Amino acid sequence: MTKERSGNHSSSSKEPVHIRRNIQDFDDPYIPEEHIPDGTTCDLCGSVAHEGHWHVSADYQLPIRKGEHRNNEVHHKTLCPACRKIQDHVPGGVLQITGSFFWDHEEEILNLIRNEAIKAMGLNPLERIMSLEYGDGVIEITTTNEKLAQRIGKALHKSYSGTIEYKWSEDTKLARVSWHRDL
């Protein structure tokens, strides 16, 4: 069973939003402990691994060191952790949007969500939206990690006020973020 901690912040409160800072204490089973060889690319998204980090391929080139020749040949292929999570349907974050305000500002809010996801992926290609599903009075967005769900929730709250709540499981890196606003 997953235990959860929560933090709550509404627009009328003057206190800061409490976002969990100790996430490095939790291991992500999708991040391998062994070193990924430099130049490894993801078969699905094309991200490139270098010095233990994944980089967006369009913005990234292997550095040239003195005495080396540029060699863009890919020697290793695999699936990056984000693509594996998407393939396995294992989210790291869940954002739920409720309230009548969303339906009157749907296009604007979806653009904000899209822009936050693009910014996040530019910084870290492992931060992605996995799905966006419409339910009965709720929009649920799943993300590959907890940081993106928190980032989008924070952007919604900053742009449109409303009420935001963060819940984290005690034993995994899963974050549940709920944002609500009525007209």
C-alpha atoms as a PDB file:
ATOM      1  CA  MET A   1       0.000   0.000   0.000  1.00  0.00           C
ATOM      2  CA  THR A   2       1.262   3.467  -0.846  1.00  0.00           C
ATOM      3  CA  LYS A   3       1.255   6.041   1.933  1.00  0.00           C
ATOM      4  CA  GLU A   4       0.762   9.652   0.952  1.00  0.00           C
ATOM      5  CA  ARG A   5       1.727  13.057   2.321  1.00  0.00           C
ATOM      6  CA  SER A   6      -0.044  16.149   1.192  1.00  0.00           C
ATOM      7  CA  GLY A   7       0.387  19.865   0.991  1.00  0.00           C
ATOM      8  CA  ASN A   8      -2.464  22.225   0.243  1.00  0.00           C
ATOM      9  CA  HIS A   9      -2.375  25.757  -1.115  1.00  0.00           C
ATOM     10  CA  SER A  10      -5.297  27.921  -2.088  1.00  0.00           C
ATOM     11  CA  SER A  11      -5.301  31.274  -3.830  1.00  0.00           C
ATOM     12  CA  SER A  12      -6.387  33.113  -0.672  1.00  0.00           C
ATOM     13  CA  SER A  13      -3.382  31.862   1.309  1.00  0.00           C
ATOM     14  CA  LYS A  14      -0.199  33.953   1.519  1.00  0.00           C
ATOM     15  CA  GLU A  15       2.033  30.991   2.384  1.00  0.00           C
ATOM     16  CA  PRO A  16       4.299  29.437  -0.273  1.00  0.00           C
ATOM     17  CA  VAL A  17       3.439  26.273  -2.153  1.00  0.00           C
ATOM     18  CA  HIS A  18       5.106  23.306  -0.456  1.00  0.00           C
ATOM     19  CA  ILE A  19       6.747  21.114  -3.057  1.00  0.00           C
ATOM     20  CA  ARG A  20       8.635  18.055  -1.892  1.00  0.00           C
ATOM     21  CA  ARG A  21      12.368  18.654  -2.072  1.00  0.00           C
ATOM     22  CA  ASN A  22      13.725  15.258  -0.984  1.00  0.00           C
ATOM     23  CA  ILE A  23      12.836  13.345  -4.138  1.00  0.00           C
ATOM     24  CA  GLN A  24      16.453  12.336  -4.681  1.00  0.00           C
ATOM     25  CA  ASP A  25      16.002   9.964  -1.721  1.00  0.00           C
ATOM     26  CA  PHE A  26      13.763   7.735  -3.851  1.00  0.00           C
ATOM     27  CA  ASP A  27      15.117   5.415  -6.505  1.00  0.00           C
ATOM     28  CA  ASP A  28      13.439   5.325  -9.887  1.00  0.00           C
ATOM     29  CA  PRO A  29      13.498   1.732 -11.156  1.00  0.00           C
ATOM     30  CA  TYR A  30      13.490   3.048 -14.739  1.00  0.00           C
ATOM     31  CA  ILE A  31      16.822   4.844 -14.290  1.00  0.00           C
ATOM     32  CA  PRO A  32      19.553   2.198 -14.619  1.00  0.00           C
ATOM     33  CA  GLU A  33      22.272   2.135 -11.978  1.00  0.00           C
ATOM     34  CA  GLU A  34      24.927   1.108 -14.501  1.00  0.00           C
ATOM     35  CA  HIS A  35      26.476   3.742 -16.767  1.00  0.00           C
ATOM     36  CA  ILE A  36      24.825   4.140 -20.151  1.00  0.00           C
ATOM     37  CA  PRO A  37      27.513   4.385 -22.850  1.00  0.00           C
ATOM     38  CA  ASP A  38      27.930   7.845 -24.383  1.00  0.00           C
ATOM     39  CA  GLY A  39      26.203   8.127 -27.743  1.00  0.00           C
ATOM     40  CA  THR A  40      23.426   5.697 -26.820  1.00  0.00           C
ATOM     41  CA  THR A  41      20.201   6.816 -28.470  1.00  0.00           C
ATOM     42  CA  CYS A  42      16.593   6.071 -27.702  1.00  0.00           C
ATOM     43  CA  ASP A  43      14.890   4.081 -30.453  1.00  0.00           C
ATOM     44  CA  LEU A  44      11.595   5.951 -30.004  1.00  0.00           C
ATOM     45  CA  CYS A  45      12.337   9.606 -29.211  1.00  0.00           C
ATOM     46  CA  GLY A  46      15.927   9.952 -30.413  1.00  0.00           C
ATOM     47  CA  SER A  47      17.300  11.346 -27.134  1.00  0.00           C
ATOM     48  CA  VAL A  48      21.048  10.852 -26.737  1.00  0.00           C
ATOM     49  CA  ALA A  49      22.868   9.773 -23.569  1.00  0.00           C
ATOM     50  CA  HIS A  50      26.097  11.538 -22.639  1.00  0.00           C
ATOM     51  CA  GLU A  51      27.949  11.414 -19.314  1.00  0.00           C
ATOM     52  CA  GLY A  52      25.017   9.709 -17.615  1.00  0.00           C
ATOM     53  CA  HIS A  53      22.346  12.181 -18.751  1.00  0.00           C
ATOM     54  CA  TRP A  54      19.829  12.131 -21.569  1.00  0.00           C
ATOM     55  CA  HIS A  55      19.732  15.095 -23.980  1.00  0.00           C
ATOM     56  CA  VAL A  56      17.224  16.186 -26.619  1.00  0.00           C
ATOM     57  CA  SER A  57      18.787  15.055 -29.872  1.00  0.00           C
ATOM     58  CA  ALA A  58      17.867  18.120 -31.942  1.00  0.00           C
ATOM     59  CA  ASP A  59      19.746  20.407 -29.538  1.00  0.00           C
ATOM     60  CA  TYR A  60      22.579  18.063 -28.661  1.00  0.00           C
ATOM     61  CA  GLN A  61      25.803  16.988 -30.301  1.00  0.00           C
ATOM     62  CA  LEU A  62      28.579  14.968 -28.764  1.00  0.00           C
ATOM     63  CA  PRO A  63      31.420  17.300 -27.760  1.00  0.00           C
ATOM     64  CA  ILE A  64      34.726  17.167 -29.595  1.00  0.00           C
ATOM     65  CA  ARG A  65      37.729  16.770 -27.340  1.00  0.00           C
ATOM     66  CA  LYS A  66      41.287  17.440 -28.388  1.00  0.00           C
ATOM     67  CA  GLY A  67      42.508  14.537 -30.474  1.00  0.00           C
ATOM     68  CA  GLU A  68      39.012  13.181 -31.175  1.00  0.00           C
ATOM     69  CA  HIS A  69      37.149  13.194 -34.452  1.00  0.00           C
ATOM     70  CA  ARG A  70      33.449  13.945 -34.627  1.00  0.00           C
ATOM     71  CA  ASN A  71      31.734  10.638 -34.961  1.00  0.00           C
ATOM     72  CA  ASN A  72      27.977  10.815 -34.962  1.00  0.00           C
ATOM     73  CA  GLU A  73      27.594   7.088 -35.506  1.00  0.00           C
ATOM     74  CA  VAL A  74      25.361   5.572 -32.902  1.00  0.00           C
ATOM     75  CA  HIS A  75      26.948   2.570 -31.294  1.00  0.00           C
ATOM     76  CA  HIS A  76      24.192   1.688 -28.827  1.00  0.00           C
ATOM     77  CA  LYS A  77      20.413   1.847 -28.990  1.00  0.00           C
ATOM     78  CA  THR A  78      17.906   1.386 -26.209  1.00  0.00           C
ATOM     79  CA  LEU A  79      14.725   2.951 -24.868  1.00  0.00           C
ATOM     80  CA  CYS A  80      15.231   5.952 -22.597  1.00  0.00           C
ATOM     81  CA  PRO A  81      13.536   5.799 -19.174  1.00  0.00           C
ATOM     82  CA  ALA A  82      10.704   8.119 -20.297  1.00  0.00           C
ATOM     83  CA  CYS A  83       9.845   5.995 -23.340  1.00  0.00           C
ATOM     84  CA  ARG A  84       9.943   2.846 -21.187  1.00  0.00           C
ATOM     85  CA  LYS A  85       7.530   4.426 -18.669  1.00  0.00           C
ATOM     86  CA  ILE A  86       5.193   5.477 -21.476  1.00  0.00           C
ATOM     87  CA  GLN A  87       5.356   1.993 -23.010  1.00  0.00           C
ATOM     88  CA  ASP A  88       4.706   0.336 -19.617  1.00  0.00           C
ATOM     89  CA  HIS A  89       2.018   2.884 -18.600  1.00  0.00           C
ATOM     90  CA  VAL A  90       3.848   3.733 -15.351  1.00  0.00           C
ATOM     91  CA  PRO A  91       3.398   7.427 -14.528  1.00  0.00           C
ATOM     92  CA  GLY A  92       5.555   9.379 -12.114  1.00  0.00           C
ATOM     93  CA  GLY A  93       2.991  12.160 -11.789  1.00  0.00           C
ATOM     94  CA  VAL A  94      -0.761  12.547 -12.067  1.00  0.00           C
ATOM     95  CA  LEU A  95      -2.450  15.934 -12.442  1.00  0.00           C
ATOM     96  CA  GLN A  96      -6.217  16.232 -12.109  1.00  0.00           C
ATOM     97  CA  ILE A  97      -7.998  19.384 -13.258  1.00  0.00           C
ATOM     98  CA  THR A  98     -11.549  20.007 -12.069  1.00  0.00           C
ATOM     99  CA  GLY A  99     -14.024  22.857 -11.934  1.00  0.00           C
ATOM    100  CA  SER A 100     -16.153  24.810 -14.366  1.00  0.00           C
ATOM    101  CA  PHE A 101     -13.360  27.320 -15.105  1.00  0.00           C
ATOM    102  CA  PHE A 102     -11.533  24.733 -17.223  1.00  0.00           C
ATOM    103  CA  TRP A 103     -14.430  24.221 -19.616  1.00  0.00           C
ATOM    104  CA  ASP A 104     -14.742  27.959 -20.323  1.00  0.00           C
ATOM    105  CA  HIS A 105     -10.961  28.334 -20.834  1.00  0.00           C
ATOM    106  CA  GLU A 106     -10.108  24.900 -22.216  1.00  0.00           C
ATOM    107  CA  GLU A 107      -8.006  25.953 -25.213  1.00  0.00           C
ATOM    108  CA  GLU A 108      -6.038  28.533 -23.218  1.00  0.00           C
ATOM    109  CA  ILE A 109      -5.325  26.075 -20.386  1.00  0.00           C
ATOM    110  CA  LEU A 110      -4.315  23.292 -22.777  1.00  0.00           C
ATOM    111  CA  ASN A 111      -1.880  25.720 -24.448  1.00  0.00           C
ATOM    112  CA  LEU A 112      -0.364  26.544 -21.052  1.00  0.00           C
ATOM    113  CA  ILE A 113       0.006  22.824 -20.304  1.00  0.00           C
ATOM    114  CA  ARG A 114       1.582  22.188 -23.713  1.00  0.00           C
ATOM    115  CA  ASN A 115       4.017  25.101 -23.275  1.00  0.00           C
ATOM    116  CA  GLU A 116       5.089  23.917 -19.812  1.00  0.00           C
ATOM    117  CA  ALA A 117       5.668  20.410 -21.182  1.00  0.00           C
ATOM    118  CA  ILE A 118       7.771  21.769 -24.060  1.00  0.00           C
ATOM    119  CA  LYS A 119       9.867  23.895 -21.665  1.00  0.00           C
ATOM    120  CA  ALA A 120      10.383  20.945 -19.335  1.00  0.00           C
ATOM    121  CA  MET A 121      11.401  18.584 -22.130  1.00  0.00           C
ATOM    122  CA  GLY A 122      13.897  21.168 -23.379  1.00  0.00           C
ATOM    123  CA  LEU A 123      15.562  21.033 -19.972  1.00  0.00           C
ATOM    124  CA  ASN A 124      15.169  17.300 -19.441  1.00  0.00           C
ATOM    125  CA  PRO A 125      13.915  14.975 -22.204  1.00  0.00           C
ATOM    126  CA  LEU A 126      12.766  12.498 -19.551  1.00  0.00           C
ATOM    127  CA  GLU A 127       9.994  14.901 -18.449  1.00  0.00           C
ATOM    128  CA  ARG A 128       6.996  14.234 -20.708  1.00  0.00           C
ATOM    129  CA  ILE A 129       3.249  14.085 -20.748  1.00  0.00           C
ATOM    130  CA  MET A 130       2.167  10.463 -21.126  1.00  0.00           C
ATOM    131  CA  SER A 131      -1.558  10.991 -21.567  1.00  0.00           C
ATOM    132  CA  LEU A 132      -4.361  13.512 -21.268  1.00  0.00           C
ATOM    133  CA  GLU A 133      -7.770  11.992 -20.671  1.00  0.00           C
ATOM    134  CA  TYR A 134     -11.185  13.561 -20.277  1.00  0.00           C
ATOM    135  CA  GLY A 135     -13.407  11.976 -17.634  1.00  0.00           C
ATOM    136  CA  ASP A 136     -16.682  12.904 -15.994  1.00  0.00           C
ATOM    137  CA  GLY A 137     -15.930  16.488 -14.909  1.00  0.00           C
ATOM    138  CA  VAL A 138     -12.194  15.874 -14.637  1.00  0.00           C
ATOM    139  CA  ILE A 139      -9.169  16.073 -16.903  1.00  0.00           C
ATOM    140  CA  GLU A 140      -6.372  13.707 -15.906  1.00  0.00           C
ATOM    141  CA  ILE A 141      -2.838  14.199 -17.164  1.00  0.00           C
ATOM    142  CA  THR A 142      -0.182  11.593 -16.469  1.00  0.00           C
ATOM    143  CA  THR A 143       3.498  12.483 -16.679  1.00  0.00           C
ATOM    144  CA  THR A 144       6.700  10.465 -16.782  1.00  0.00           C
ATOM    145  CA  ASN A 145       7.960  12.009 -13.564  1.00  0.00           C
ATOM    146  CA  GLU A 146       6.675  13.860 -10.536  1.00  0.00           C
ATOM    147  CA  LYS A 147       8.398  17.140 -11.376  1.00  0.00           C
ATOM    148  CA  LEU A 148       6.382  17.799 -14.529  1.00  0.00           C
ATOM    149  CA  ALA A 149       3.032  17.237 -12.777  1.00  0.00           C
ATOM    150  CA  GLN A 150       4.141  19.686 -10.073  1.00  0.00           C
ATOM    151  CA  ARG A 151       5.421  22.176 -12.657  1.00  0.00           C
ATOM    152  CA  ILE A 152       2.153  22.189 -14.623  1.00  0.00           C
ATOM    153  CA  GLY A 153       0.089  22.447 -11.430  1.00  0.00           C
ATOM    154  CA  LYS A 154       2.197  25.359 -10.224  1.00  0.00           C
ATOM    155  CA  ALA A 155       1.812  27.124 -13.611  1.00  0.00           C
ATOM    156  CA  LEU A 156      -1.982  26.653 -13.523  1.00  0.00           C
ATOM    157  CA  HIS A 157      -2.154  28.041 -10.006  1.00  0.00           C
ATOM    158  CA  LYS A 158       0.088  30.995 -10.849  1.00  0.00           C
ATOM    159  CA  SER A 159      -1.844  31.868 -14.011  1.00  0.00           C
ATOM    160  CA  TYR A 160      -5.419  31.202 -12.909  1.00  0.00           C
ATOM    161  CA  SER A 161      -5.403  31.004  -9.086  1.00  0.00           C
ATOM    162  CA  GLY A 162      -7.806  28.342  -7.857  1.00  0.00           C
ATOM    163  CA  THR A 163      -6.971  25.660  -5.338  1.00  0.00           C
ATOM    164  CA  ILE A 164      -4.024  23.323  -5.682  1.00  0.00           C
ATOM    165  CA  GLU A 165      -3.145  20.254  -3.657  1.00  0.00           C
ATOM    166  CA  TYR A 166       0.002  18.129  -3.814  1.00  0.00           C
ATOM    167  CA  LYS A 167       0.198  14.553  -2.526  1.00  0.00           C
ATOM    168  CA  TRP A 168       3.287  12.370  -2.607  1.00  0.00           C
ATOM    169  CA  SER A 169       3.558   8.693  -1.917  1.00  0.00           C
ATOM    170  CA  GLU A 170       5.873   7.892   0.974  1.00  0.00           C
ATOM    171  CA  ASP A 171       7.713   5.059  -0.747  1.00  0.00           C
ATOM    172  CA  THR A 172       7.890   6.044  -4.433  1.00  0.00           C
ATOM    173  CA  LYS A 173       8.420   9.147  -6.539  1.00  0.00           C
ATOM    174  CA  LEU A 174       4.729   9.375  -7.496  1.00  0.00           C
ATOM    175  CA  ALA A 175       3.130  12.814  -7.122  1.00  0.00           C
ATOM    176  CA  ARG A 176      -0.577  13.504  -7.347  1.00  0.00           C
ATOM    177  CA  VAL A 177      -1.495  17.107  -8.057  1.00  0.00           C
ATOM    178  CA  SER A 178      -5.067  18.406  -8.039  1.00  0.00           C
ATOM    179  CA  TRP A 179      -6.041  21.830  -9.360  1.00  0.00           C
ATOM    180  CA  HIS A 180      -9.592  23.127  -9.057  1.00  0.00           C
ATOM    181  CA  ARG A 181     -11.299  26.359  -9.985  1.00  0.00           C
ATOM    182  CA  ASP A 182     -14.906  27.253 -10.552  1.00  0.00           C
ATOM    183  CA  LEU A 183     -16.040  30.414 -12.356  1.00  0.00           C
END
